[in-house]
Amino acid sequence: MNWKENYELWQNKPDLPADLKEDLNNLKTDAEKEDAFYTPLSFGTAGMRGILGAGINRMNIYTVRQATEGLARLMDSFNDEAIKQRGVVISYDSRHYSRVFAQEAGKVLGSHGIKAYVFDALRPTPELSFAVRHLGTYAGIMITASHNPKNYNGYKIYGEDGGQMPPKESDIITNEIRQADMFAVPVAEMTSLQQAGLYQVVGDEIDQAYLKNVQTVSINHELIETVGRDMKLVYSPLHGTGAAIAGPALEKAGFKNVTMVPEQKEPNGDFPTVKLPNPEDPKALAMGIDLAKANGADVVIAVDPDADRMGTAVRQPSGEYVLLTGNQIGAVMMHYILTANQAAHSLPANGVLVKSIVSSEFAADIAQSFGVQTINVLTGFKYIAEQIKEYETTRAHTFLFGFEESYGYLVKPFARDKDSIQATVLMAEVAAYYKSLGKTVYDGVQELFEKYGYFAENTQSLTFDGVDGKDRIEKIIANFRENMPVAFGGIKVESLQDFARSTELNLLTQKMTSMTLPKAEVLKYWLSDGSWVAVRPSGTEPKIKFYVGTKGATAEQAAEKLAAIQATIQEYID
């Protein structure tokens, strides 16, 4: 059906909920109607994410039911009652309709005889990842749109290892979703499901098990007892799920002087104090920084609504605070993990750092100096989770740390997705470490720059909404591939890694070699001075992203290279 037919179908549905009927009536122009109805909401390996409202290209109870029906049909296909009894655990964040969507997902699963464990209140994404493993469920569902604006929500599916569902299974789910009529998805009644033992509310027991595991993140307990105990920290959950879990986690670790930003402590899907609830955005940490200035805190930590990403601002010698980049946080954490474990004689001989291909080489250079290998994987924490699962089988490596430049970190693999609760506890310990030396985390980052070089990175994200957005993104990617730049910012391109074609072309020798990573629509250019540029479309949003990484002998030199490279990128976009 075309968008007009889809729109008419929704208009004529007699039992459409009042909120969706109102939203439908608020679509005044053909352009608005077309955007809501021209295509089904995209469902990929990272699940789906979209604007709340009426339409097949929107997040609502019908798209949630349809997605859950896809998962249920996959589980039905195994013809194994044990898998159904293992069930699915469901969590949700503070966004509008999150609780409703979680309950609807549980009722769809129950109609298939699949047991649902549904949290009694909102919980972080990393705890959902942990709960899958803790309960031994076949899958997990997280209702969240991560750090997107307030008018968004989303739906992510996790596999039995606690990582996001692997491509093979998610492709099957996608096919089943496309075949399911969203208005005909069976939805059981909750009371009958509870009586049948197919809908179980969970909460505190999983909290306590998760928090017990978080205690293993700390490395130097004596340091925390002597320095961390009285060190001042400011924390903000940005109106999301973090407060209820991060507070107890910090206290159990031994950090007693933690102040929550009062205006941002309570869950609120309107995110009234921030435009974007994103710890990558300096504006999101502004209230925390003001509070830190008032009480002289050493570090400010903020997390996104589902508490998988963590950002931090650290005090400078001037008394002002500066937001560290995701790459800088990854580097200073990696350095501390290696330093502390080496001092404790607990650094494994086969330790490994796992990071995404679009993350800085800063942490990798630090790891190399300790004799620790770095493994690069595609963007998406599920690929880090896959490496962890492989190491558990092969024992080839001991996982030490995993991160992505987009403020995602994992210290211990009891969760298999980025975990801001773990990262918060570790960052507090890093701050205590530098405080014990009479320094700040800012000082520590500067020391690392002086030793390893001045790394500078930037991520530019362009959004192309609407019907033509996908075509525009595809044309930009094609231009970078077919009309390959020979230089960025005057620095020659030496090789191109084309992950969609699994090939690497050396421009100096014209030799083409095969790559072993899974296929993905990513281009990565390596330049003659070690700088790099990566181009990739987002997996869950109508965006294309441009990543740049470079290094200089000074901060100024690195910044100049970065600006010149970005200018070349802009020329290609234009």
Protein backbone atom coordinates (compact mmCIF):
# COMPACT_ATOMS: atom_id res chain seq x y z
CA MET A 1 0.00 0.00 0.00
CA ASN A 2 1.08 3.57 -0.58
CA TRP A 3 1.12 6.17 2.19
CA LYS A 4 -2.37 7.46 1.38
CA GLU A 5 -3.87 3.97 1.67
CA ASN A 6 -2.05 3.39 4.97
CA TYR A 7 -3.30 6.72 6.26
CA GLU A 8 -6.89 5.91 5.28
CA LEU A 9 -6.63 2.51 6.97
CA TRP A 10 -5.68 4.18 10.26
CA GLN A 11 -8.32 6.89 9.82
CA ASN A 12 -11.04 4.27 9.44
CA LYS A 13 -9.95 2.10 12.37
CA PRO A 14 -12.85 2.40 14.84
CA ASP A 15 -11.00 1.37 18.02
CA LEU A 16 -7.85 3.48 17.57
CA PRO A 17 -6.77 4.77 21.02
CA ALA A 18 -7.71 8.38 21.69
CA ASP A 19 -4.12 9.65 21.86
CA LEU A 20 -3.28 8.14 18.47
CA LYS A 21 -6.54 9.42 16.98
CA GLU A 22 -5.65 12.91 18.18
CA ASP A 23 -2.15 12.62 16.74
CA LEU A 24 -3.59 11.42 13.43
CA ASN A 25 -5.90 14.43 13.29
CA ASN A 26 -2.96 16.74 13.98
CA LEU A 27 -1.27 15.66 10.74
CA LYS A 28 -2.37 18.57 8.59
CA THR A 29 -0.17 18.51 5.49
CA ASP A 30 0.44 15.76 2.97
CA ALA A 31 4.14 15.92 3.80
CA GLU A 32 3.44 15.17 7.48
CA LYS A 33 1.10 12.33 6.59
CA GLU A 34 3.52 10.86 4.06
CA ASP A 35 6.40 10.85 6.55
CA ALA A 36 4.29 8.98 9.10
CA PHE A 37 2.93 6.40 6.64
CA TYR A 38 5.25 6.00 3.65
CA THR A 39 7.37 3.17 5.11
CA PRO A 40 7.42 0.89 8.16
CA LEU A 41 9.62 2.01 11.03
CA SER A 42 13.07 0.61 10.32
CA PHE A 43 14.03 -2.44 12.39
CA GLY A 44 17.70 -3.41 12.31
CA THR A 45 20.23 -5.22 14.45
CA ALA A 46 19.97 -2.38 17.00
CA GLY A 47 16.16 -2.63 17.08
CA MET A 48 14.02 0.36 16.15
CA ARG A 49 13.78 3.98 17.21
CA GLY A 50 11.41 6.69 16.09
CA ILE A 51 9.11 9.59 16.81
CA LEU A 52 6.11 8.83 19.01
CA GLY A 53 2.75 9.05 17.26
CA ALA A 54 0.31 7.53 14.80
CA GLY A 55 1.65 5.79 11.72
CA ILE A 56 3.63 2.79 10.53
CA ASN A 57 6.79 4.94 10.65
CA ARG A 58 6.20 5.93 14.28
CA MET A 59 6.59 4.41 17.73
CA ASN A 60 3.19 3.37 19.11
CA ILE A 61 1.50 0.32 20.63
CA TYR A 62 0.95 -1.21 17.18
CA THR A 63 4.57 -1.01 16.03
CA VAL A 64 5.64 -2.34 19.46
CA ARG A 65 3.18 -5.24 19.22
CA GLN A 66 4.33 -6.00 15.67
CA ALA A 67 8.01 -6.06 16.72
CA THR A 68 7.22 -8.32 19.66
CA GLU A 69 5.20 -10.59 17.40
CA GLY A 70 8.32 -10.97 15.26
CA LEU A 71 10.33 -12.10 18.30
CA ALA A 72 7.51 -14.43 19.43
CA ARG A 73 7.31 -16.08 16.01
CA LEU A 74 11.07 -16.66 16.06
CA MET A 75 10.73 -18.38 19.45
CA ASP A 76 7.71 -20.37 18.19
CA SER A 77 9.77 -21.64 15.25
CA PHE A 78 12.05 -23.64 17.55
CA ASN A 79 9.14 -25.87 18.64
CA ASP A 80 10.77 -26.02 22.06
CA GLU A 81 8.61 -25.44 25.12
CA ALA A 82 11.71 -24.97 27.26
CA ILE A 83 12.68 -21.87 25.27
CA LYS A 84 9.22 -20.41 25.84
CA GLN A 85 9.46 -21.10 29.56
CA ARG A 86 12.86 -19.47 29.74
CA GLY A 87 11.03 -16.49 28.40
CA VAL A 88 11.92 -12.84 27.84
CA VAL A 89 12.82 -10.14 30.38
CA ILE A 90 11.55 -6.62 29.68
CA SER A 91 12.72 -3.25 31.01
CA TYR A 92 12.02 0.37 30.13
CA ASP A 93 13.23 3.91 30.77
CA SER A 94 11.55 7.20 31.70
CA ARG A 95 10.29 8.16 28.25
CA HIS A 96 6.64 8.70 27.42
CA TYR A 97 4.72 5.43 26.92
CA SER A 98 7.74 3.31 27.93
CA ARG A 99 5.84 1.45 30.67
CA VAL A 100 2.84 0.93 28.38
CA PHE A 101 5.05 -0.42 25.59
CA ALA A 102 6.78 -2.81 28.03
CA GLN A 103 3.44 -4.15 29.23
CA GLU A 104 2.12 -4.51 25.66
CA ALA A 105 5.23 -6.50 24.73
CA GLY A 106 4.65 -8.82 27.70
CA LYS A 107 1.01 -9.38 26.70
CA VAL A 108 1.96 -10.24 23.11
CA LEU A 109 4.54 -12.76 24.31
CA GLY A 110 2.02 -14.25 26.72
CA SER A 111 -0.47 -14.81 23.90
CA HIS A 112 2.16 -17.18 22.43
CA GLY A 113 2.65 -18.99 25.74
CA ILE A 114 6.01 -17.25 26.24
CA LYS A 115 6.83 -16.17 29.79
CA ALA A 116 7.59 -12.47 30.32
CA TYR A 117 9.54 -11.06 33.25
CA VAL A 118 8.63 -7.36 33.41
CA PHE A 119 10.39 -4.93 35.75
CA ASP A 120 8.17 -3.28 38.35
CA ALA A 121 9.56 0.15 37.45
CA LEU A 122 12.05 1.72 35.09
CA ARG A 123 15.58 0.24 35.05
CA PRO A 124 18.80 0.94 33.11
CA THR A 125 19.67 -0.82 29.88
CA PRO A 126 22.80 -2.46 31.39
CA GLU A 127 20.69 -4.00 34.14
CA LEU A 128 18.38 -5.44 31.46
CA SER A 129 21.45 -6.93 29.76
CA PHE A 130 22.51 -8.42 33.10
CA ALA A 131 18.99 -9.70 33.83
CA VAL A 132 18.93 -11.76 30.62
CA ARG A 133 21.97 -13.68 31.84
CA HIS A 134 20.90 -13.73 35.49
CA LEU A 135 17.44 -15.16 34.75
CA GLY A 136 18.63 -17.35 31.88
CA THR A 137 15.99 -15.98 29.52
CA TYR A 138 16.11 -16.52 25.76
CA ALA A 139 15.90 -12.79 25.06
CA GLY A 140 15.44 -9.33 26.53
CA ILE A 141 13.53 -6.25 25.42
CA MET A 142 14.51 -2.70 26.36
CA ILE A 143 12.10 0.15 25.69
CA THR A 144 14.28 3.24 25.21
CA ALA A 145 15.36 5.84 22.69
CA SER A 146 18.67 6.32 24.51
CA HIS A 147 19.74 9.98 24.25
CA ASN A 148 17.24 11.15 21.61
CA PRO A 149 14.85 14.11 22.12
CA LYS A 150 11.71 13.73 24.24
CA ASN A 151 9.39 12.99 21.28
CA TYR A 152 11.23 9.71 20.55
CA ASN A 153 11.07 6.21 21.91
CA GLY A 154 12.57 2.89 20.82
CA TYR A 155 12.75 -0.87 21.15
CA LYS A 156 15.87 -3.02 21.45
CA ILE A 157 16.09 -6.83 21.53
CA TYR A 158 18.84 -8.68 23.39
CA GLY A 159 20.00 -12.25 22.85
CA GLU A 160 20.59 -14.93 25.46
CA ASP A 161 24.20 -13.83 26.03
CA GLY A 162 22.99 -10.39 27.16
CA GLY A 163 24.26 -8.67 24.02
CA GLN A 164 22.00 -7.17 21.40
CA MET A 165 20.41 -9.81 19.19
CA PRO A 166 22.87 -11.16 16.58
CA PRO A 167 22.23 -10.31 12.90
CA LYS A 168 21.06 -13.83 11.97
CA GLU A 169 18.24 -13.83 14.52
CA SER A 170 17.40 -10.14 14.06
CA ASP A 171 17.04 -10.69 10.30
CA ILE A 172 14.51 -13.46 10.97
CA ILE A 173 12.64 -11.19 13.37
CA THR A 174 12.60 -8.42 10.75
CA ASN A 175 11.10 -10.81 8.17
CA GLU A 176 8.43 -11.92 10.64
CA ILE A 177 7.63 -8.31 11.52
CA ARG A 178 7.00 -7.50 7.86
CA GLN A 179 4.57 -10.42 7.58
CA ALA A 180 2.61 -9.59 10.73
CA ASP A 181 -0.49 -7.39 10.45
CA MET A 182 0.06 -4.85 13.24
CA PHE A 183 -3.68 -4.53 13.85
CA ALA A 184 -4.14 -8.32 14.13
CA VAL A 185 -1.34 -9.14 16.59
CA PRO A 186 -2.83 -11.21 19.44
CA VAL A 187 -2.67 -9.50 22.86
CA ALA A 188 -3.57 -11.50 25.97
CA GLU A 189 -5.18 -10.08 29.09
CA MET A 190 -2.66 -9.37 31.85
CA THR A 191 -4.57 -10.85 34.79
CA SER A 192 -5.01 -14.20 33.05
CA LEU A 193 -1.33 -14.23 32.09
CA GLN A 194 -0.30 -13.57 35.69
CA GLN A 195 -2.56 -16.36 36.91
CA ALA A 196 -1.00 -18.70 34.33
CA GLY A 197 2.53 -17.71 35.42
CA LEU A 198 3.29 -16.16 32.05
CA TYR A 199 3.67 -12.56 33.28
CA GLN A 200 5.95 -12.11 36.29
CA VAL A 201 6.90 -8.78 37.81
CA VAL A 202 10.56 -8.56 38.88
CA GLY A 203 12.66 -5.92 40.58
CA ASP A 204 14.62 -5.82 43.82
CA GLU A 205 16.18 -9.30 43.61
CA ILE A 206 17.75 -8.45 40.25
CA ASP A 207 18.83 -5.03 41.55
CA GLN A 208 20.74 -6.63 44.41
CA ALA A 209 22.37 -9.26 42.19
CA TYR A 210 23.43 -6.60 39.70
CA LEU A 211 24.81 -4.29 42.41
CA LYS A 212 26.78 -7.19 43.88
CA ASN A 213 28.47 -7.63 40.51
CA VAL A 214 29.11 -3.88 40.18
CA GLN A 215 31.21 -4.13 43.36
CA THR A 216 33.76 -6.18 41.39
CA VAL A 217 34.49 -3.14 39.17
CA SER A 218 36.59 -1.44 41.87
CA ILE A 219 40.29 -2.32 41.76
CA ASN A 220 42.02 -0.49 44.64
CA HIS A 221 39.73 -0.64 47.66
CA GLU A 222 42.32 0.93 49.96
CA LEU A 223 42.52 3.95 47.66
CA ILE A 224 38.75 4.40 47.79
CA GLU A 225 38.72 4.00 51.58
CA THR A 226 41.45 6.56 52.15
CA VAL A 227 40.79 9.10 49.38
CA GLY A 228 37.54 8.28 47.59
CA ARG A 229 35.45 8.21 50.74
CA ASP A 230 35.44 11.99 51.18
CA MET A 231 36.03 13.02 47.57
CA LYS A 232 33.20 15.18 46.24
CA LEU A 233 31.25 13.91 43.24
CA VAL A 234 28.27 15.37 41.42
CA TYR A 235 25.97 12.96 39.55
CA SER A 236 23.01 13.51 37.24
CA PRO A 237 20.72 10.86 35.71
CA LEU A 238 19.29 13.55 33.37
CA HIS A 239 15.72 12.64 34.41
CA GLY A 240 16.28 8.97 33.59
CA THR A 241 16.93 5.58 35.16
CA GLY A 242 20.40 6.14 36.62
CA ALA A 243 19.69 7.57 40.06
CA ALA A 244 18.10 4.52 41.68
CA ILE A 245 21.01 2.22 40.75
CA ALA A 246 24.07 4.50 40.52
CA GLY A 247 23.51 5.96 44.00
CA PRO A 248 23.66 2.57 45.76
CA ALA A 249 26.48 1.43 43.45
CA LEU A 250 28.69 4.38 44.43
CA GLU A 251 27.87 3.98 48.10
CA LYS A 252 28.63 0.25 48.10
CA ALA A 253 31.94 0.99 46.35
CA GLY A 254 32.83 3.38 49.18
CA PHE A 255 32.12 6.82 47.70
CA LYS A 256 30.11 8.57 50.41
CA ASN A 257 30.18 12.20 49.28
CA VAL A 258 27.95 12.09 46.20
CA THR A 259 25.52 14.90 45.39
CA MET A 260 22.72 14.32 42.90
CA VAL A 261 21.63 17.29 40.80
CA PRO A 262 18.23 17.83 42.50
CA GLU A 263 16.46 19.30 39.46
CA GLN A 264 17.44 16.28 37.33
CA LYS A 265 17.12 13.46 39.86
CA GLU A 266 13.49 12.43 39.29
CA PRO A 267 12.46 10.51 36.13
CA ASN A 268 10.64 12.73 33.66
CA GLY A 269 10.03 11.96 29.99
CA ASP A 270 9.82 15.66 29.16
CA PHE A 271 13.47 16.15 30.23
CA PRO A 272 12.51 19.67 31.37
CA THR A 273 16.01 20.97 32.15
CA VAL A 274 17.75 19.88 28.93
CA LYS A 275 17.07 20.10 25.22
CA LEU A 276 18.84 16.79 24.65
CA PRO A 277 19.33 14.27 27.50
CA ASN A 278 22.73 13.39 26.08
CA PRO A 279 25.92 13.33 28.19
CA GLU A 280 27.90 14.10 25.02
CA ASP A 281 26.30 17.57 25.03
CA PRO A 282 28.02 20.13 27.30
CA LYS A 283 24.64 21.80 27.88
CA ALA A 284 23.33 18.61 29.50
CA LEU A 285 26.03 18.86 32.18
CA ALA A 286 25.60 22.60 32.80
CA MET A 287 23.51 22.24 35.97
CA GLY A 288 25.88 19.60 37.30
CA ILE A 289 28.86 21.85 36.64
CA ASP A 290 27.18 24.78 38.43
CA LEU A 291 26.60 22.53 41.44
CA ALA A 292 30.20 21.27 41.30
CA LYS A 293 31.53 24.84 41.29
CA ALA A 294 29.42 25.62 44.34
CA ASN A 295 30.67 22.68 46.39
CA GLY A 296 34.15 22.20 44.92
CA ALA A 297 33.52 18.75 43.47
CA ASP A 298 36.35 16.90 41.76
CA VAL A 299 34.27 15.43 38.98
CA VAL A 300 30.78 15.72 37.42
CA ILE A 301 29.17 12.60 35.97
CA ALA A 302 25.99 12.48 33.88
CA VAL A 303 24.27 9.60 32.08
CA ASP A 304 21.56 9.34 29.46
CA PRO A 305 17.96 8.29 30.27
CA ASP A 306 18.55 4.54 29.94
CA ALA A 307 21.93 4.86 31.70
CA ASP A 308 24.10 3.10 29.17
CA ARG A 309 26.20 6.17 28.18
CA MET A 310 28.27 8.23 30.59
CA GLY A 311 29.83 11.67 30.23
CA THR A 312 32.08 13.49 32.67
CA ALA A 313 33.34 17.01 33.30
CA VAL A 314 36.54 17.46 35.31
CA ARG A 315 37.98 20.40 37.18
CA GLN A 316 40.82 22.37 35.62
CA PRO A 317 43.52 24.28 37.55
CA SER A 318 41.51 27.48 36.94
CA GLY A 319 38.54 26.04 38.81
CA GLU A 320 36.51 25.78 35.62
CA TYR A 321 35.25 22.40 34.39
CA VAL A 322 35.83 20.83 30.99
CA LEU A 323 33.86 18.00 29.40
CA LEU A 324 36.09 15.11 28.37
CA THR A 325 35.40 13.46 25.03
CA GLY A 326 34.32 9.84 24.88
CA ASN A 327 37.75 8.92 23.51
CA GLN A 328 39.55 10.75 26.33
CA ILE A 329 37.40 9.01 28.93
CA GLY A 330 38.20 5.65 27.30
CA ALA A 331 41.93 6.45 27.33
CA VAL A 332 42.15 7.61 30.95
CA MET A 333 40.07 4.63 32.11
CA MET A 334 42.21 2.18 30.15
CA HIS A 335 45.37 3.72 31.60
CA TYR A 336 44.03 3.42 35.15
CA ILE A 337 42.86 -0.19 34.69
CA LEU A 338 46.31 -1.17 33.42
CA THR A 339 48.22 0.85 36.02
CA ALA A 340 46.16 -0.36 38.98
CA ASN A 341 46.20 -4.01 37.91
CA GLN A 342 49.92 -3.88 37.23
CA ALA A 343 50.54 -2.46 40.71
CA ALA A 344 48.35 -5.20 42.20
CA HIS A 345 50.14 -7.89 40.12
CA SER A 346 46.74 -8.82 38.65
CA LEU A 347 47.28 -7.81 35.02
CA PRO A 348 46.67 -10.91 32.88
CA ALA A 349 49.26 -11.84 30.27
CA ASN A 350 46.59 -12.18 27.59
CA GLY A 351 44.56 -9.09 28.44
CA VAL A 352 42.75 -7.31 25.63
CA LEU A 353 41.11 -3.96 24.89
CA VAL A 354 38.13 -4.09 22.50
CA LYS A 355 37.00 -0.91 20.77
CA SER A 356 35.03 0.17 17.73
CA ILE A 357 36.73 1.01 14.43
CA VAL A 358 35.58 4.65 14.73
CA SER A 359 37.10 5.16 18.18
CA SER A 360 40.46 6.83 18.85
CA GLU A 361 43.81 5.09 18.76
CA PHE A 362 44.66 6.91 22.03
CA ALA A 363 43.60 4.04 24.31
CA ALA A 364 45.12 1.50 21.90
CA ASP A 365 48.54 3.20 22.11
CA ILE A 366 48.31 3.18 25.89
CA ALA A 367 47.39 -0.52 25.87
CA GLN A 368 50.29 -1.32 23.56
CA SER A 369 52.74 0.34 25.96
CA PHE A 370 51.61 -2.18 28.62
CA GLY A 371 51.91 -5.08 26.19
CA VAL A 372 48.13 -5.37 25.86
CA GLN A 373 46.54 -6.09 22.48
CA THR A 374 43.67 -4.07 20.99
CA ILE A 375 40.91 -5.67 18.93
CA ASN A 376 38.86 -3.40 16.64
CA VAL A 377 35.24 -4.26 15.88
CA LEU A 378 32.37 -2.69 13.96
CA THR A 379 30.33 0.06 15.59
CA GLY A 380 27.71 -1.37 17.92
CA PHE A 381 28.32 -2.82 21.36
CA LYS A 382 26.96 -6.17 20.25
CA TYR A 383 30.25 -6.70 18.42
CA ILE A 384 32.17 -6.13 21.65
CA ALA A 385 29.79 -8.61 23.31
CA GLU A 386 30.56 -11.15 20.57
CA GLN A 387 34.29 -10.87 21.30
CA ILE A 388 33.69 -11.45 25.01
CA LYS A 389 31.62 -14.54 24.22
CA GLU A 390 34.37 -15.84 21.94
CA TYR A 391 37.06 -15.35 24.61
CA GLU A 392 34.96 -17.29 27.11
CA THR A 393 35.12 -20.24 24.73
CA THR A 394 38.64 -19.98 23.32
CA ARG A 395 40.41 -18.44 26.35
CA ALA A 396 42.54 -16.60 23.78
CA HIS A 397 42.19 -13.33 25.69
CA THR A 398 41.03 -11.92 29.01
CA PHE A 399 38.67 -9.01 28.50
CA LEU A 400 39.92 -5.90 30.30
CA PHE A 401 37.86 -3.06 28.85
CA GLY A 402 35.60 -2.21 25.93
CA PHE A 403 34.49 1.16 24.67
CA GLU A 404 33.01 3.24 21.85
CA GLU A 405 33.73 6.91 21.23
CA SER A 406 30.02 7.66 21.73
CA TYR A 407 30.43 7.53 25.53
CA GLY A 408 29.87 3.79 25.93
CA TYR A 409 32.09 1.71 28.27
CA LEU A 410 32.16 -1.78 29.73
CA VAL A 411 34.57 -2.84 32.48
CA LYS A 412 33.29 -6.24 33.60
CA PRO A 413 31.39 -8.61 31.29
CA PHE A 414 28.53 -9.52 33.66
CA ALA A 415 26.62 -7.08 31.40
CA ARG A 416 27.08 -7.27 27.65
CA ASP A 417 26.19 -3.74 26.63
CA LYS A 418 27.68 -0.36 27.46
CA ASP A 419 27.19 0.22 31.17
CA SER A 420 27.22 3.70 32.70
CA ILE A 421 26.82 2.28 36.22
CA GLN A 422 30.11 0.41 35.93
CA ALA A 423 31.70 3.40 34.18
CA THR A 424 30.53 5.77 36.94
CA VAL A 425 32.11 3.64 39.67
CA LEU A 426 35.37 3.32 37.73
CA MET A 427 35.52 7.05 36.87
CA ALA A 428 35.08 7.86 40.56
CA GLU A 429 38.04 5.59 41.32
CA VAL A 430 40.10 7.23 38.56
CA ALA A 431 39.38 10.62 40.15
CA ALA A 432 40.42 9.27 43.55
CA TYR A 433 43.65 7.95 42.04
CA TYR A 434 44.66 11.33 40.67
CA LYS A 435 43.54 13.07 43.86
CA SER A 436 45.87 10.77 45.82
CA LEU A 437 48.69 12.15 43.65
CA GLY A 438 47.63 15.74 44.28
CA LYS A 439 46.20 16.02 40.76
CA THR A 440 42.88 16.10 38.93
CA VAL A 441 41.63 13.87 36.12
CA TYR A 442 42.27 16.82 33.81
CA ASP A 443 45.94 16.74 34.87
CA GLY A 444 46.00 13.02 34.18
CA VAL A 445 44.69 13.43 30.64
CA GLN A 446 47.31 16.12 29.93
CA GLU A 447 50.06 13.78 31.17
CA LEU A 448 48.81 11.08 28.81
CA PHE A 449 48.87 13.55 25.93
CA GLU A 450 52.45 14.51 26.75
CA LYS A 451 53.50 10.87 26.83
CA TYR A 452 51.52 9.41 23.92
CA GLY A 453 50.87 12.42 21.68
CA TYR A 454 48.02 14.88 21.35
CA PHE A 455 45.03 13.02 19.95
CA ALA A 456 42.12 14.99 18.51
CA GLU A 457 38.88 13.51 17.25
CA ASN A 458 35.54 14.74 16.06
CA THR A 459 32.24 13.19 15.03
CA GLN A 460 29.93 15.12 12.72
CA SER A 461 26.37 13.87 12.37
CA LEU A 462 24.04 15.02 9.59
CA THR A 463 20.30 14.27 9.74
CA PHE A 464 18.19 13.76 6.60
CA ASP A 465 14.57 13.22 7.61
CA GLY A 466 11.63 12.36 5.44
CA VAL A 467 11.06 10.42 2.25
CA ASP A 468 14.19 11.66 0.47
CA GLY A 469 16.50 11.32 3.46
CA LYS A 470 17.54 7.73 2.81
CA ASP A 471 18.36 8.50 -0.84
CA ARG A 472 20.46 11.50 0.15
CA ILE A 473 22.49 9.43 2.60
CA GLU A 474 23.04 6.69 0.01
CA LYS A 475 24.25 9.26 -2.55
CA ILE A 476 26.75 10.75 -0.10
CA ILE A 477 28.16 7.30 0.71
CA ALA A 478 28.35 6.47 -3.02
CA ASN A 479 30.22 9.70 -3.73
CA PHE A 480 32.84 8.95 -1.08
CA ARG A 481 33.21 5.41 -2.45
CA GLU A 482 33.21 6.00 -6.20
CA ASN A 483 34.93 9.41 -6.25
CA MET A 484 37.40 8.59 -3.55
CA PRO A 485 39.33 11.58 -2.15
CA VAL A 486 43.08 11.31 -2.73
CA ALA A 487 43.75 13.56 0.27
CA PHE A 488 42.00 15.07 3.28
CA GLY A 489 43.25 18.45 4.47
CA GLY A 490 46.26 18.09 2.22
CA ILE A 491 47.25 14.76 3.83
CA LYS A 492 47.42 11.89 1.33
CA VAL A 493 45.12 8.88 1.59
CA GLU A 494 47.19 5.68 1.83
CA SER A 495 44.45 3.08 2.07
CA LEU A 496 40.69 2.63 2.02
CA GLN A 497 38.88 0.00 4.06
CA ASP A 498 35.48 -0.69 2.51
CA PHE A 499 33.61 -2.76 5.09
CA ALA A 500 30.58 -3.25 2.82
CA ARG A 501 32.82 -5.03 0.31
CA SER A 502 35.21 -6.52 2.92
CA THR A 503 38.19 -5.09 1.05
CA GLU A 504 41.18 -2.88 1.81
CA LEU A 505 42.86 -1.01 -1.06
CA ASN A 506 46.45 0.15 -0.60
CA LEU A 507 46.78 3.24 -2.81
CA LEU A 508 50.58 3.11 -2.75
CA THR A 509 50.80 -0.42 -4.16
CA GLN A 510 47.26 -0.67 -5.64
CA LYS A 511 47.03 -4.01 -3.84
CA MET A 512 43.57 -5.16 -2.74
CA THR A 513 43.26 -7.45 0.29
CA SER A 514 40.29 -9.06 2.03
CA MET A 515 39.08 -8.12 5.51
CA THR A 516 37.55 -10.53 8.00
CA LEU A 517 35.14 -8.29 9.91
CA PRO A 518 31.41 -8.63 9.17
CA LYS A 519 30.06 -6.52 6.32
CA ALA A 520 28.76 -3.06 7.15
CA GLU A 521 28.19 0.15 5.24
CA VAL A 522 31.35 1.86 6.50
CA LEU A 523 34.26 3.48 4.66
CA LYS A 524 37.49 4.16 6.55
CA TYR A 525 40.37 6.10 5.02
CA TRP A 526 43.86 5.89 6.53
CA LEU A 527 46.09 8.90 5.82
CA SER A 528 49.86 9.09 5.45
CA ASP A 529 50.42 10.64 8.91
CA GLY A 530 48.29 8.06 10.76
CA SER A 531 45.15 10.21 10.73
CA TRP A 532 41.92 8.54 9.65
CA VAL A 533 38.43 9.37 8.40
CA ALA A 534 35.36 7.11 8.63
CA VAL A 535 31.95 7.51 6.99
CA ARG A 536 28.92 5.50 8.11
CA PRO A 537 25.14 5.84 8.20
CA SER A 538 23.43 5.39 11.56
CA GLY A 539 21.74 2.04 12.13
CA THR A 540 18.71 3.47 13.97
CA GLU A 541 18.30 7.08 12.83
CA PRO A 542 18.16 8.99 9.50
CA LYS A 543 21.72 10.18 9.96
CA ILE A 544 25.11 9.87 8.32
CA LYS A 545 28.17 10.26 10.51
CA PHE A 546 31.70 11.40 9.74
CA TYR A 547 34.46 10.46 12.17
CA VAL A 548 37.93 11.97 12.14
CA GLY A 549 40.93 11.00 14.25
CA THR A 550 44.36 12.58 14.18
CA LYS A 551 47.43 13.13 16.35
CA GLY A 552 49.97 15.92 16.66
CA ALA A 553 53.10 16.83 18.59
CA THR A 554 51.06 19.61 20.20
CA ALA A 555 47.39 20.21 20.85
CA GLU A 556 47.45 23.07 18.32
CA GLN A 557 48.95 20.90 15.60
CA ALA A 558 46.35 18.17 16.14
CA ALA A 559 43.53 20.74 16.06
CA GLU A 560 44.84 22.26 12.81
CA LYS A 561 44.96 18.85 11.13
CA LEU A 562 41.44 18.09 12.35
CA ALA A 563 40.05 21.35 10.95
CA ALA A 564 41.73 20.86 7.57
CA ILE A 565 40.42 17.29 7.24
CA GLN A 566 36.90 18.39 8.16
CA ALA A 567 37.02 21.08 5.49
CA THR A 568 37.67 18.41 2.84
CA ILE A 569 34.77 16.34 4.14
CA GLN A 570 32.48 19.35 3.88
CA GLU A 571 33.51 19.87 0.26
CA TYR A 572 32.43 16.31 -0.56
CA ILE A 573 29.13 16.71 1.28
CA ASP A 574 28.37 19.94 -0.58
